[in-house]
Amino acid sequence: MFIGRAEHTLDDKGRTSIPAKMLEMFPGQLQFRFNITVGVNGCLAMFPAGDLEKFLLGFSTSRLGMEDRLYLFRELISNIHPVNVEYQNKNRITIPSKLLDKAGLSKGSPVLIIGVGRWIELWNPDRYDEYVKGYGGDFDRVAKLFFGSLLGFDSDEKEHTAPASDGQ
């Protein structure tokens, strides 16, 4: 599972480092193969090489019309670029210029790298801040659903509050 968050800088060749902590799920490996492509909300998504194909084959498009399916697959698949992460080379990857443009990233600027469980996202930090502000969601509300599920509560169950203190 990819976890954590870090901010690095893109060098003048469009390279950045993937934090070693995010690569701990591959113990003993010195080289890692990934596929990087466009993600959601203006980020880039980076998947372990074999996983992206599994995700694509397992993805149900039944809720999408034909034009939406074609558009999704054309954009997602045509933007896939294989990248190698080498431990001995500071875990650096080179991001193609076309993808840098799509993510609003530029050489010499910061890149926010986020572990999102089954993949890694690369963000322009300002764009990520805009996404968080624009989301309008309430983290506590959705986090309660997650933690409640760990305790065996359905999302349909009403939230209970502790009884009011009588001041004693």
Protein backbone atom coordinates (compact mmCIF):
# COMPACT_ATOMS: atom_id res chain seq x y z
CA MET A 1 0.00 0.00 0.00
CA PHE A 2 1.34 3.41 -0.98
CA ILE A 3 1.17 5.80 1.97
CA GLY A 4 2.51 9.17 2.95
CA ARG A 5 3.02 12.56 1.42
CA ALA A 6 6.11 14.47 0.37
CA GLU A 7 7.02 17.52 -1.62
CA HIS A 8 9.98 17.51 -3.98
CA THR A 9 11.11 19.73 -6.82
CA LEU A 10 11.10 18.93 -10.52
CA ASP A 11 14.57 19.44 -11.93
CA ASP A 12 15.28 21.08 -15.28
CA LYS A 13 14.89 17.69 -17.02
CA GLY A 14 11.43 17.03 -15.55
CA ARG A 15 12.70 14.55 -12.98
CA THR A 16 11.62 14.12 -9.38
CA SER A 17 12.22 11.54 -6.67
CA ILE A 18 9.65 9.13 -5.31
CA PRO A 19 10.02 8.88 -1.51
CA ALA A 20 11.68 5.64 -0.40
CA LYS A 21 8.92 5.19 2.18
CA MET A 22 6.40 4.78 -0.64
CA LEU A 23 8.46 2.00 -2.16
CA GLU A 24 8.66 -0.10 1.02
CA MET A 25 5.98 -2.42 -0.34
CA PHE A 26 8.71 -3.85 -2.62
CA PRO A 27 11.26 -5.09 -0.06
CA GLY A 28 14.67 -5.90 -1.48
CA GLN A 29 13.96 -4.50 -4.93
CA LEU A 30 16.37 -1.99 -6.43
CA GLN A 31 14.32 -1.15 -9.51
CA PHE A 32 10.60 -0.55 -9.79
CA ARG A 33 8.49 -0.32 -12.93
CA PHE A 34 5.49 1.98 -13.00
CA ASN A 35 3.05 3.40 -15.50
CA ILE A 36 2.19 7.07 -15.15
CA THR A 37 -0.87 8.65 -16.75
CA VAL A 38 -3.45 11.38 -16.27
CA GLY A 39 -5.35 11.14 -13.02
CA VAL A 40 -8.48 12.70 -11.58
CA ASN A 41 -8.88 16.40 -10.70
CA GLY A 42 -5.74 17.45 -12.58
CA CYS A 43 -3.10 15.17 -11.05
CA LEU A 44 -0.96 12.41 -12.50
CA ALA A 45 -1.50 8.81 -11.37
CA MET A 46 1.35 6.32 -11.08
CA PHE A 47 0.59 2.59 -10.88
CA PRO A 48 2.87 -0.43 -10.48
CA ALA A 49 3.40 -1.66 -14.05
CA GLY A 50 1.30 -4.83 -13.83
CA ASP A 51 -1.49 -3.32 -11.75
CA LEU A 52 -2.76 -0.72 -14.21
CA GLU A 53 -3.64 -3.38 -16.78
CA LYS A 54 -5.45 -5.41 -14.09
CA PHE A 55 -7.39 -2.32 -13.02
CA LEU A 56 -8.36 -1.54 -16.61
CA LEU A 57 -9.49 -5.10 -17.29
CA GLY A 58 -11.48 -5.21 -14.05
CA PHE A 59 -13.12 -1.79 -14.53
CA SER A 60 -16.83 -1.97 -15.26
CA THR A 61 -17.90 0.53 -17.90
CA SER A 62 -21.56 -0.50 -17.69
CA ARG A 63 -22.58 2.90 -16.29
CA LEU A 64 -20.86 4.75 -19.14
CA GLY A 65 -22.23 5.37 -22.60
CA MET A 66 -20.17 4.43 -25.66
CA GLU A 67 -18.74 7.95 -26.19
CA ASP A 68 -17.75 8.24 -22.51
CA ARG A 69 -16.03 4.84 -22.67
CA LEU A 70 -14.10 5.77 -25.79
CA TYR A 71 -13.09 9.14 -24.38
CA LEU A 72 -11.97 7.68 -21.05
CA PHE A 73 -9.90 4.92 -22.61
CA ARG A 74 -8.43 7.15 -25.31
CA GLU A 75 -7.27 9.74 -22.79
CA LEU A 76 -6.21 7.33 -20.07
CA ILE A 77 -4.43 4.77 -22.23
CA SER A 78 -2.87 7.09 -24.80
CA ASN A 79 -1.26 9.07 -21.97
CA ILE A 80 0.36 6.07 -20.26
CA HIS A 81 4.13 6.32 -20.06
CA PRO A 82 6.28 3.58 -18.51
CA VAL A 83 8.75 4.87 -15.94
CA ASN A 84 11.49 3.12 -14.01
CA VAL A 85 12.35 4.05 -10.47
CA GLU A 86 15.88 3.04 -9.58
CA TYR A 87 16.91 2.88 -5.95
CA GLN A 88 20.53 3.58 -6.84
CA ASN A 89 19.46 6.68 -8.78
CA LYS A 90 17.73 8.43 -5.83
CA ASN A 91 14.33 6.90 -6.80
CA ARG A 92 14.06 9.43 -9.61
CA ILE A 93 11.57 9.33 -12.44
CA THR A 94 11.37 11.45 -15.55
CA ILE A 95 7.91 12.80 -16.29
CA PRO A 96 7.20 13.47 -19.98
CA SER A 97 6.54 17.13 -20.87
CA LYS A 98 3.06 16.29 -22.16
CA LEU A 99 2.06 14.95 -18.73
CA LEU A 100 3.73 17.84 -16.90
CA ASP A 101 1.54 20.21 -18.92
CA LYS A 102 -1.63 18.23 -18.16
CA ALA A 103 -0.89 18.37 -14.42
CA GLY A 104 0.10 22.04 -14.38
CA LEU A 105 3.65 21.16 -13.36
CA SER A 106 6.73 22.93 -14.61
CA LYS A 107 10.43 22.28 -14.42
CA GLY A 108 12.00 23.81 -11.34
CA SER A 109 8.68 23.89 -9.46
CA PRO A 110 7.49 21.80 -6.52
CA VAL A 111 5.55 18.57 -6.97
CA LEU A 112 3.38 17.07 -4.24
CA ILE A 113 3.61 13.26 -4.12
CA ILE A 114 0.79 11.46 -2.33
CA GLY A 115 0.40 7.75 -1.58
CA VAL A 116 -3.23 6.81 -2.25
CA GLY A 117 -3.27 3.13 -1.34
CA ARG A 118 -3.05 1.31 -4.67
CA TRP A 119 -1.39 4.14 -6.59
CA ILE A 120 0.68 7.31 -6.19
CA GLU A 121 -0.52 10.75 -7.25
CA LEU A 122 1.68 13.65 -8.36
CA TRP A 123 0.17 17.13 -7.97
CA ASN A 124 0.96 20.74 -8.53
CA PRO A 125 0.72 21.79 -4.83
CA ASP A 126 -1.39 24.87 -5.65
CA ARG A 127 -3.80 22.76 -7.71
CA TYR A 128 -4.09 20.28 -4.83
CA ASP A 129 -4.87 23.10 -2.39
CA GLU A 130 -7.54 24.38 -4.81
CA TYR A 131 -8.98 20.87 -5.05
CA VAL A 132 -9.18 20.54 -1.25
CA LYS A 133 -10.79 23.98 -0.85
CA GLY A 134 -13.15 23.41 -3.78
CA TYR A 135 -14.16 19.95 -2.66
CA GLY A 136 -16.43 21.50 -0.06
CA GLY A 137 -16.60 18.17 1.69
CA ASP A 138 -16.30 17.68 5.36
CA PHE A 139 -13.41 15.34 6.18
CA ASP A 140 -14.87 14.50 9.58
CA ARG A 141 -18.18 13.46 8.00
CA VAL A 142 -16.58 11.04 5.54
CA ALA A 143 -13.96 9.89 8.06
CA LYS A 144 -16.77 8.97 10.48
CA LEU A 145 -18.21 6.69 7.80
CA PHE A 146 -14.82 5.00 7.43
CA PHE A 147 -14.11 4.62 11.13
CA GLY A 148 -17.73 3.68 11.78
CA SER A 149 -17.42 0.84 9.27
CA LEU A 150 -14.39 -0.41 11.23
CA LEU A 151 -16.65 -0.55 14.28
CA GLY A 152 -19.39 -2.36 12.35
CA PHE A 153 -21.81 0.54 11.93
CA ASP A 154 -23.82 0.95 8.74
CA SER A 155 -23.80 4.31 7.05
CA ASP A 156 -27.59 4.35 7.58
CA GLU A 157 -27.25 4.33 11.36
CA LYS A 158 -27.82 7.66 13.06
CA GLU A 159 -24.95 9.35 14.79
CA HIS A 160 -25.28 9.18 18.56
CA THR A 161 -23.98 11.83 20.85
CA ALA A 162 -22.93 11.49 24.44
CA PRO A 163 -25.47 12.62 27.02
CA ALA A 164 -25.07 16.20 28.19
CA SER A 165 -23.00 16.63 31.32
CA ASP A 166 -24.87 17.85 34.38
CA GLY A 167 -21.84 19.85 35.47
CA GLN A 168 -20.59 17.41 38.12
